[in-house]
Amino acid sequence: GIHQQSIDEMLKEAGEAVALGIKSVILFGIPKVKDAEATAAWHSEGIVQQAIRALKSTYPDLMVVADTCLCEYMDHGHCGLVHDGKILNDPSLEILARAAVAQADAGADIIAPSDMMDGRIAAIRAAIPERTVLMSYSAKFHSRFYGPFRGAADSAPKGEVKLKDRATYQIDPPNFNDALRASIRDMEEGADILMVKPAMPYLDVVYRLSSEIPLPWAVY
């Protein structure tokens, strides 16, 4: 039941959502061509930027959330730049910020970084308009629950990259302290909303984090 949609089909489904009283949607983009620089993530005519403009033009009251990550646009499927089998954290921040700016310029109401690169909230907050809400995937645990999404987005790590999964930058499943530290850091860097993903098996974490950090919490 998971599938990709063209923009015209997306508008039809968005219309059905609006008719049901659903007030917001989140967009993920699958470009025609993927490369090692995630070019389609930040290009003004990237698929998500086109989709945002179409949605805001057709349904101006619909709140549009843009997932801000690079895995959907990278030919190797990772969430950041890769060199010699290693994730390049800091150089990836510049591309993430460019993607966020392109999404905000297209009209996204909420920018939602899901990549888990260290420091990306500060980099994006400094780049996007102050009015744009920033929702951080701050406690994103390494999980096999993401399999259906990776299939739909064709974003599973692949090719010659030595890293076969995202365990080096997503949170170790039993490590609550890392989730707490990452969430506090993202709050301090300027996030407006924080998130726990996957939420269903982490309701204890949702409870503990929301008790300790006074920001709105999203669950995925």
Protein backbone atom coordinates (compact mmCIF):
# COMPACT_ATOMS: atom_id res chain seq x y z
CA GLY A 1 0.00 0.00 0.00
CA ILE A 2 3.00 2.32 -0.13
CA HIS A 3 3.64 4.02 -3.46
CA GLN A 4 5.20 7.04 -5.12
CA GLN A 5 2.99 9.79 -6.53
CA SER A 6 3.31 12.34 -9.30
CA ILE A 7 2.39 15.91 -8.42
CA ASP A 8 -1.03 15.72 -10.07
CA GLU A 9 -1.86 12.55 -8.13
CA MET A 10 -0.51 14.12 -4.94
CA LEU A 11 -2.91 17.04 -5.38
CA LYS A 12 -5.85 14.63 -5.72
CA GLU A 13 -4.87 12.84 -2.51
CA ALA A 14 -4.29 16.13 -0.73
CA GLY A 15 -7.80 17.18 -1.76
CA GLU A 16 -9.19 14.02 -0.19
CA ALA A 17 -7.23 14.74 2.98
CA VAL A 18 -8.52 18.31 3.14
CA ALA A 19 -12.08 17.06 2.67
CA LEU A 20 -11.59 14.74 5.65
CA GLY A 21 -10.46 17.65 7.83
CA ILE A 22 -6.77 16.74 7.80
CA LYS A 23 -4.85 19.98 8.25
CA SER A 24 -1.26 19.04 7.40
CA VAL A 25 0.82 16.76 5.20
CA ILE A 26 4.51 15.85 5.02
CA LEU A 27 6.40 15.56 1.74
CA PHE A 28 9.25 13.24 0.77
CA GLY A 29 10.83 13.57 -2.66
CA ILE A 30 12.06 11.00 -5.16
CA PRO A 31 14.02 12.71 -7.98
CA LYS A 32 14.38 11.34 -11.48
CA VAL A 33 18.17 11.33 -11.07
CA LYS A 34 20.11 10.71 -7.87
CA ASP A 35 23.75 11.72 -7.46
CA ALA A 36 26.51 11.87 -4.86
CA GLU A 37 25.80 15.56 -4.05
CA ALA A 38 22.01 15.32 -3.53
CA THR A 39 21.57 18.06 -6.13
CA ALA A 40 17.80 17.59 -6.44
CA ALA A 41 17.38 18.21 -2.71
CA TRP A 42 18.29 21.90 -2.98
CA HIS A 43 17.59 22.80 -6.61
CA SER A 44 14.73 25.31 -6.98
CA GLU A 45 13.00 22.91 -9.38
CA GLY A 46 13.56 19.86 -7.21
CA ILE A 47 10.54 17.59 -6.92
CA VAL A 48 9.66 18.57 -3.34
CA GLN A 49 10.00 22.27 -4.12
CA GLN A 50 7.62 21.82 -7.07
CA ALA A 51 5.22 19.86 -4.89
CA ILE A 52 5.24 22.47 -2.13
CA ARG A 53 4.38 25.24 -4.57
CA ALA A 54 1.59 23.16 -6.10
CA LEU A 55 0.10 22.35 -2.70
CA LYS A 56 0.26 25.90 -1.36
CA SER A 57 -1.24 27.24 -4.57
CA THR A 58 -4.11 24.75 -4.58
CA TYR A 59 -4.73 24.41 -0.83
CA PRO A 60 -3.31 27.57 0.79
CA ASP A 61 -4.60 26.67 4.26
CA LEU A 62 -3.01 23.22 4.27
CA MET A 63 0.09 23.10 6.46
CA VAL A 64 2.97 21.63 4.47
CA VAL A 65 5.87 19.90 6.23
CA ALA A 66 9.00 19.22 4.19
CA ASP A 67 11.18 16.29 5.22
CA THR A 68 14.75 17.61 5.04
CA CYS A 69 17.19 14.81 4.41
CA LEU A 70 19.58 13.72 1.67
CA CYS A 71 19.07 9.94 1.56
CA GLU A 72 16.25 10.19 -1.00
CA TYR A 73 18.51 12.19 -3.34
CA MET A 74 21.88 10.43 -2.88
CA ASP A 75 22.85 7.64 -5.27
CA HIS A 76 24.38 5.76 -2.32
CA GLY A 77 21.31 6.14 -0.08
CA HIS A 78 22.98 7.71 2.96
CA CYS A 79 21.82 10.86 4.74
CA GLY A 80 25.08 12.76 4.23
CA LEU A 81 28.11 13.02 2.01
CA VAL A 82 30.32 9.95 1.99
CA HIS A 83 34.05 9.69 1.36
CA ASP A 84 36.18 6.57 1.71
CA GLY A 85 33.37 4.72 3.47
CA LYS A 86 32.79 7.44 6.09
CA ILE A 87 30.00 9.96 6.57
CA LEU A 88 31.26 13.54 6.29
CA ASN A 89 29.20 15.29 8.94
CA ASP A 90 30.20 18.95 8.63
CA PRO A 91 30.30 19.18 4.81
CA SER A 92 26.82 17.63 4.77
CA LEU A 93 25.44 20.50 6.87
CA GLU A 94 25.90 22.99 4.03
CA ILE A 95 23.84 20.83 1.65
CA LEU A 96 21.14 20.28 4.27
CA ALA A 97 20.91 24.03 4.88
CA ARG A 98 20.63 24.67 1.13
CA ALA A 99 17.84 22.11 0.90
CA ALA A 100 16.01 23.70 3.83
CA VAL A 101 16.27 27.16 2.26
CA ALA A 102 14.91 25.85 -1.05
CA GLN A 103 11.98 24.23 0.76
CA ALA A 104 11.25 27.35 2.80
CA ASP A 105 11.48 29.55 -0.30
CA ALA A 106 8.97 27.26 -2.03
CA GLY A 107 6.51 27.89 0.82
CA ALA A 108 6.95 25.04 3.32
CA ASP A 109 5.44 25.87 6.71
CA ILE A 110 7.63 23.43 8.63
CA ILE A 111 11.16 22.21 7.87
CA ALA A 112 11.74 18.75 9.35
CA PRO A 113 15.39 17.60 9.37
CA SER A 114 15.50 13.81 9.65
CA ASP A 115 19.15 13.14 8.80
CA MET A 116 20.69 13.03 12.31
CA MET A 117 23.88 14.90 11.35
CA ASP A 118 25.37 16.68 14.37
CA GLY A 119 24.84 20.43 14.26
CA ARG A 120 22.29 20.48 11.47
CA ILE A 121 19.64 22.34 13.48
CA ALA A 122 21.98 25.28 14.10
CA ALA A 123 23.03 25.33 10.43
CA ILE A 124 19.44 25.25 9.19
CA ARG A 125 18.10 27.70 11.77
CA ALA A 126 20.71 30.23 10.69
CA ALA A 127 19.77 29.82 7.04
CA ILE A 128 15.96 29.74 6.91
CA PRO A 129 13.50 32.58 7.61
CA GLU A 130 12.73 33.11 11.28
CA ARG A 131 9.01 32.53 10.70
CA THR A 132 9.60 28.99 9.40
CA VAL A 133 8.96 26.33 12.04
CA LEU A 134 11.78 23.82 12.58
CA MET A 135 10.78 20.31 13.63
CA SER A 136 13.76 18.12 14.46
CA TYR A 137 13.87 14.34 14.35
CA SER A 138 15.91 14.67 17.54
CA ALA A 139 15.54 11.15 18.92
CA LYS A 140 15.69 8.98 15.81
CA PHE A 141 16.71 5.46 16.70
CA HIS A 142 18.34 2.99 14.34
CA SER A 143 15.48 0.65 13.40
CA ARG A 144 14.26 -1.92 10.90
CA PHE A 145 10.82 -0.33 11.11
CA TYR A 146 12.01 2.06 8.38
CA GLY A 147 12.17 -0.71 5.78
CA PRO A 148 8.89 0.12 3.97
CA PHE A 149 9.91 3.78 3.64
CA ARG A 150 13.33 2.88 2.27
CA GLY A 151 11.65 0.65 -0.25
CA ALA A 152 9.24 3.38 -1.37
CA ALA A 153 12.01 6.00 -1.50
CA ASP A 154 14.60 3.64 -2.98
CA SER A 155 16.93 5.00 -0.32
CA ALA A 156 18.48 1.95 1.31
CA PRO A 157 22.31 2.28 1.47
CA LYS A 158 23.81 0.70 -1.62
CA GLY A 159 26.65 0.64 -4.14
CA GLU A 160 30.33 0.75 -3.24
CA VAL A 161 29.73 2.53 0.05
CA LYS A 162 31.25 0.51 2.88
CA LEU A 163 28.61 1.64 5.36
CA LYS A 164 25.78 -0.86 4.97
CA ASP A 165 23.34 0.86 7.33
CA ARG A 166 22.85 4.12 9.26
CA ALA A 167 23.92 2.90 12.67
CA THR A 168 26.85 5.34 12.82
CA TYR A 169 24.60 8.41 12.90
CA GLN A 170 21.20 7.22 14.13
CA ILE A 171 20.79 6.56 17.86
CA ASP A 172 21.65 3.13 19.27
CA PRO A 173 18.23 1.55 20.09
CA PRO A 174 18.69 1.10 23.89
CA ASN A 175 20.61 4.34 24.46
CA PHE A 176 18.23 6.79 26.13
CA ASN A 177 21.04 9.10 27.23
CA ASP A 178 22.06 9.77 23.63
CA ALA A 179 18.43 10.57 22.78
CA LEU A 180 18.30 13.02 25.68
CA ARG A 181 21.59 14.67 24.75
CA ALA A 182 20.61 14.98 21.08
CA SER A 183 17.23 16.45 21.96
CA ILE A 184 18.69 19.01 24.38
CA ARG A 185 21.25 20.00 21.75
CA ASP A 186 18.58 20.44 19.09
CA MET A 187 16.46 22.55 21.45
CA GLU A 188 19.46 24.75 22.22
CA GLU A 189 20.26 25.07 18.51
CA GLY A 190 16.80 26.44 17.77
CA ALA A 191 14.34 23.61 17.09
CA ASP A 192 10.68 24.51 17.72
CA ILE A 193 9.37 20.93 17.85
CA LEU A 194 11.21 17.70 18.72
CA MET A 195 10.42 14.15 17.65
CA VAL A 196 10.80 10.54 18.71
CA LYS A 197 11.02 7.97 15.91
CA PRO A 198 9.93 5.16 15.91
CA ALA A 199 7.42 6.12 18.59
CA MET A 200 5.35 2.98 19.09
CA PRO A 201 8.05 0.93 20.91
CA TYR A 202 9.46 4.05 22.61
CA LEU A 203 6.50 5.43 24.55
CA ASP A 204 8.61 5.35 27.71
CA VAL A 205 11.17 7.52 25.93
CA VAL A 206 8.44 9.90 24.74
CA TYR A 207 7.25 10.20 28.34
CA ARG A 208 10.70 10.78 29.80
CA LEU A 209 11.87 13.22 27.14
CA SER A 210 8.67 15.25 27.15
CA SER A 211 8.87 15.44 30.94
CA GLU A 212 12.40 16.84 30.82
CA ILE A 213 12.34 19.09 27.74
CA PRO A 214 9.65 21.81 27.55
CA LEU A 215 8.98 21.81 23.81
CA PRO A 216 6.13 20.36 21.74
CA TRP A 217 6.84 16.70 20.90
CA ALA A 218 5.97 14.94 17.69
CA VAL A 219 5.86 11.16 17.30
CA TYR A 220 6.45 9.18 14.13
